[in-house]
């Protein structure tokens, strides 16, 4: 009899723990939504000053989650995309560069409607990963899937080579040494 009670108590405790985790996740998603709305308001105001310059401004939320096995965490991705829906474009961040299989991850992200993937081609820098980046850009163009946003060490001394070798149309730089 004691074992039955103990088992029932454990079962109820696990259900409560799961519900608490779900509530915490919902609270975190609400925080993300509020942060995204505030960011959109600030970024939208800042972007207005660039309209006349012809510079393309991308206002997006950068998201990403992988499983312990190195695959795209589809449950987390759905939640993050849902939080950003209607407010911001979604870019999958450089977690992509440590995923187990970049083509499988690309297909998963395309299936979920991710618009861009920020990547250095599974390397520390875009220059080191330029061969894979070129393959991903070609795949993106062929499938009309997520755009590859080349990033990771993009600087004045290597941007021309990256443009030539990857054929990407979008680049991200921290602009640390563009003097």
Foldseek 3Di string as FASTA:
>chain_A
DVVVVVVVVVVVVVVVVVVVVVVVVVVVLVVVLVVLVVQLVVVVVVVVVCPVVPDDDFFADEDFDADPQQAGPLVVVVSNCVSCPPRHAYEYEASCLRGPDNVRNQVSCQVVPRAEYEYLQNDQAVVVNLQSLLVVQVVCVVVVGHAYAYEHPDAPVCVVVSCVRRVGPHYDYPPPDHD
